[in-house]
Amino acid sequence: MKKAIFLSVMLVFAASFSFAGEEVQEVAVIAKQWEFFPSTITVRKDVPVKIHITTVDVPHGFSLPDLSQGSLVVSSDKLKKGEIVTFTYTFTDAGEFDFACNVFCGSGHRKMKGKIIVEE
């Protein structure tokens, strides 16, 4: 029952919330062998994005390189089965940004990729 509730909460993909005049986009991401769900995330430029990520099987990582402010990396010591890691990032450039698992997680590891699309 606890697992079903957890997965139901995580399946809320993308929403926008406004707190005291500041808009925040929220995205839930599930990492599992050998995929991210959702694998494509669309957000808006200059609006903070709060990303909640968890893994449902083995340790995974999350790497979002090539950002104008550097790279964003979540390592396996933080992304453990059943735990939720939350981080906030504001994309200042429109475009497409690839992310991937940066922790070897088995034979399909190389296919574990996704994309964030940042719209104006």
C-alpha atoms as a PDB file:
ATOM      1  CA  MET A   1       0.000   0.000   0.000  1.00  0.00           C
ATOM      2  CA  LYS A   2       2.812   2.411   0.942  1.00  0.00           C
ATOM      3  CA  LYS A   3       4.555   1.723  -2.394  1.00  0.00           C
ATOM      4  CA  ALA A   4       1.347   2.351  -4.376  1.00  0.00           C
ATOM      5  CA  ILE A   5       0.790   5.686  -2.658  1.00  0.00           C
ATOM      6  CA  PHE A   6       4.417   6.666  -3.265  1.00  0.00           C
ATOM      7  CA  LEU A   7       4.204   5.829  -6.983  1.00  0.00           C
ATOM      8  CA  SER A   8       0.895   7.661  -7.301  1.00  0.00           C
ATOM      9  CA  VAL A   9       2.440  10.790  -5.847  1.00  0.00           C
ATOM     10  CA  MET A  10       5.483  10.495  -8.139  1.00  0.00           C
ATOM     11  CA  LEU A  11       3.297  10.199 -11.255  1.00  0.00           C
ATOM     12  CA  VAL A  12       2.347  13.870 -11.032  1.00  0.00           C
ATOM     13  CA  PHE A  13       4.674  14.879 -13.866  1.00  0.00           C
ATOM     14  CA  ALA A  14       4.765  18.620 -14.194  1.00  0.00           C
ATOM     15  CA  ALA A  15       2.838  21.332 -12.461  1.00  0.00           C
ATOM     16  CA  SER A  16       3.215  25.033 -11.900  1.00  0.00           C
ATOM     17  CA  PHE A  17       2.612  26.584  -8.516  1.00  0.00           C
ATOM     18  CA  SER A  18       2.660  30.180  -7.413  1.00  0.00           C
ATOM     19  CA  PHE A  19       3.925  31.111  -3.958  1.00  0.00           C
ATOM     20  CA  ALA A  20       3.746  34.759  -2.879  1.00  0.00           C
ATOM     21  CA  GLY A  21       3.960  35.918  -6.483  1.00  0.00           C
ATOM     22  CA  GLU A  22       6.794  33.587  -7.492  1.00  0.00           C
ATOM     23  CA  GLU A  23       5.933  30.830  -9.931  1.00  0.00           C
ATOM     24  CA  VAL A  24       7.628  27.451  -9.467  1.00  0.00           C
ATOM     25  CA  GLN A  25       7.420  24.484 -11.828  1.00  0.00           C
ATOM     26  CA  GLU A  26       7.557  21.074 -10.164  1.00  0.00           C
ATOM     27  CA  VAL A  27       8.542  17.848 -11.890  1.00  0.00           C
ATOM     28  CA  ALA A  28       8.670  14.308 -10.500  1.00  0.00           C
ATOM     29  CA  VAL A  29      11.182  11.929 -12.110  1.00  0.00           C
ATOM     30  CA  ILE A  30      11.530   8.186 -11.504  1.00  0.00           C
ATOM     31  CA  ALA A  31      14.848   6.499 -12.281  1.00  0.00           C
ATOM     32  CA  LYS A  32      14.804   2.753 -12.921  1.00  0.00           C
ATOM     33  CA  GLN A  33      16.831   0.276 -14.910  1.00  0.00           C
ATOM     34  CA  TRP A  34      17.326   1.570 -17.664  1.00  0.00           C
ATOM     35  CA  GLU A  35      15.205   4.646 -18.081  1.00  0.00           C
ATOM     36  CA  PHE A  36      14.002   7.892 -16.596  1.00  0.00           C
ATOM     37  CA  PHE A  37      10.269   8.494 -16.432  1.00  0.00           C
ATOM     38  CA  PRO A  38       9.370  10.865 -17.917  1.00  0.00           C
ATOM     39  CA  SER A  39      12.311  10.900 -20.299  1.00  0.00           C
ATOM     40  CA  THR A  40      11.351  14.273 -21.790  1.00  0.00           C
ATOM     41  CA  ILE A  41      10.584  17.210 -19.537  1.00  0.00           C
ATOM     42  CA  THR A  42       9.373  20.577 -20.808  1.00  0.00           C
ATOM     43  CA  VAL A  43       9.895  23.678 -18.667  1.00  0.00           C
ATOM     44  CA  ARG A  44       9.875  27.447 -19.119  1.00  0.00           C
ATOM     45  CA  LYS A  45      12.916  29.690 -19.263  1.00  0.00           C
ATOM     46  CA  ASP A  46      13.571  31.929 -16.226  1.00  0.00           C
ATOM     47  CA  VAL A  47      11.041  30.094 -14.028  1.00  0.00           C
ATOM     48  CA  PRO A  48      12.474  28.007 -11.162  1.00  0.00           C
ATOM     49  CA  VAL A  49      12.045  24.253 -11.622  1.00  0.00           C
ATOM     50  CA  LYS A  50      11.886  22.029  -8.571  1.00  0.00           C
ATOM     51  CA  ILE A  51      12.814  18.485  -9.600  1.00  0.00           C
ATOM     52  CA  HIS A  52      11.934  15.577  -7.298  1.00  0.00           C
ATOM     53  CA  ILE A  53      13.806  12.429  -8.324  1.00  0.00           C
ATOM     54  CA  THR A  54      13.777   8.918  -6.899  1.00  0.00           C
ATOM     55  CA  THR A  55      14.928   5.448  -7.883  1.00  0.00           C
ATOM     56  CA  VAL A  56      12.794   2.333  -7.542  1.00  0.00           C
ATOM     57  CA  ASP A  57      15.451  -0.354  -7.953  1.00  0.00           C
ATOM     58  CA  VAL A  58      19.218   0.218  -7.719  1.00  0.00           C
ATOM     59  CA  PRO A  59      21.313   3.344  -7.050  1.00  0.00           C
ATOM     60  CA  HIS A  60      21.320   5.746  -9.976  1.00  0.00           C
ATOM     61  CA  GLY A  61      22.691   9.190 -10.645  1.00  0.00           C
ATOM     62  CA  PHE A  62      21.453  12.236 -12.536  1.00  0.00           C
ATOM     63  CA  SER A  63      23.806  14.382 -14.593  1.00  0.00           C
ATOM     64  CA  LEU A  64      22.773  17.481 -16.510  1.00  0.00           C
ATOM     65  CA  PRO A  65      25.942  18.887 -18.100  1.00  0.00           C
ATOM     66  CA  ASP A  66      26.405  21.791 -20.503  1.00  0.00           C
ATOM     67  CA  LEU A  67      24.364  24.359 -18.635  1.00  0.00           C
ATOM     68  CA  SER A  68      25.301  28.023 -18.865  1.00  0.00           C
ATOM     69  CA  GLN A  69      26.031  28.009 -15.117  1.00  0.00           C
ATOM     70  CA  GLY A  70      28.000  24.711 -15.199  1.00  0.00           C
ATOM     71  CA  SER A  71      26.719  21.185 -14.584  1.00  0.00           C
ATOM     72  CA  LEU A  72      24.082  19.744 -12.289  1.00  0.00           C
ATOM     73  CA  VAL A  73      24.931  16.337 -10.800  1.00  0.00           C
ATOM     74  CA  VAL A  74      23.142  14.107  -8.286  1.00  0.00           C
ATOM     75  CA  SER A  75      25.346  11.195  -7.228  1.00  0.00           C
ATOM     76  CA  SER A  76      24.439   7.670  -6.115  1.00  0.00           C
ATOM     77  CA  ASP A  77      25.229   8.415  -2.471  1.00  0.00           C
ATOM     78  CA  LYS A  78      22.254  10.787  -2.545  1.00  0.00           C
ATOM     79  CA  LEU A  79      19.961   8.941  -4.975  1.00  0.00           C
ATOM     80  CA  LYS A  80      19.066   5.711  -3.208  1.00  0.00           C
ATOM     81  CA  LYS A  81      16.136   3.345  -3.650  1.00  0.00           C
ATOM     82  CA  GLY A  82      12.928   4.772  -2.246  1.00  0.00           C
ATOM     83  CA  GLU A  83      14.383   8.125  -1.236  1.00  0.00           C
ATOM     84  CA  ILE A  84      13.436  11.392  -2.908  1.00  0.00           C
ATOM     85  CA  VAL A  85      16.088  13.968  -3.764  1.00  0.00           C
ATOM     86  CA  THR A  86      14.843  17.459  -4.561  1.00  0.00           C
ATOM     87  CA  PHE A  87      16.782  20.238  -6.222  1.00  0.00           C
ATOM     88  CA  THR A  88      15.797  23.530  -7.779  1.00  0.00           C
ATOM     89  CA  TYR A  89      17.277  25.043 -10.901  1.00  0.00           C
ATOM     90  CA  THR A  90      16.379  28.027 -13.089  1.00  0.00           C
ATOM     91  CA  PHE A  91      17.167  27.612 -16.780  1.00  0.00           C
ATOM     92  CA  THR A  92      18.292  30.950 -18.200  1.00  0.00           C
ATOM     93  CA  ASP A  93      18.667  29.742 -21.802  1.00  0.00           C
ATOM     94  CA  ALA A  94      16.028  28.227 -24.063  1.00  0.00           C
ATOM     95  CA  GLY A  95      16.963  25.005 -25.829  1.00  0.00           C
ATOM     96  CA  GLU A  96      17.346  21.280 -25.298  1.00  0.00           C
ATOM     97  CA  PHE A  97      19.529  19.839 -22.556  1.00  0.00           C
ATOM     98  CA  ASP A  98      20.402  16.150 -22.302  1.00  0.00           C
ATOM     99  CA  PHE A  99      20.588  14.367 -18.964  1.00  0.00           C
ATOM    100  CA  ALA A 100      21.792  10.860 -18.140  1.00  0.00           C
ATOM    101  CA  CYS A 101      22.451   8.422 -15.348  1.00  0.00           C
ATOM    102  CA  ASN A 102      26.034   8.923 -14.202  1.00  0.00           C
ATOM    103  CA  VAL A 103      26.233   5.801 -12.006  1.00  0.00           C
ATOM    104  CA  PHE A 104      26.735   2.403 -13.643  1.00  0.00           C
ATOM    105  CA  CYS A 105      23.468   0.541 -13.067  1.00  0.00           C
ATOM    106  CA  GLY A 106      23.735  -2.535 -15.273  1.00  0.00           C
ATOM    107  CA  SER A 107      23.898  -3.623 -18.890  1.00  0.00           C
ATOM    108  CA  GLY A 108      21.451  -0.987 -20.181  1.00  0.00           C
ATOM    109  CA  HIS A 109      23.164   1.927 -18.415  1.00  0.00           C
ATOM    110  CA  ARG A 110      24.221   3.661 -21.657  1.00  0.00           C
ATOM    111  CA  LYS A 111      20.562   3.933 -22.745  1.00  0.00           C
ATOM    112  CA  MET A 112      19.503   5.702 -19.548  1.00  0.00           C
ATOM    113  CA  LYS A 113      19.095   9.219 -20.912  1.00  0.00           C
ATOM    114  CA  GLY A 114      16.548  11.983 -21.157  1.00  0.00           C
ATOM    115  CA  LYS A 115      16.020  15.536 -22.322  1.00  0.00           C
ATOM    116  CA  ILE A 116      14.847  18.787 -20.802  1.00  0.00           C
ATOM    117  CA  ILE A 117      13.259  21.186 -23.271  1.00  0.00           C
ATOM    118  CA  VAL A 118      13.350  24.792 -22.148  1.00  0.00           C
ATOM    119  CA  GLU A 119      10.833  27.032 -23.859  1.00  0.00           C
ATOM    120  CA  GLU A 120      10.725  30.843 -23.971  1.00  0.00           C
END
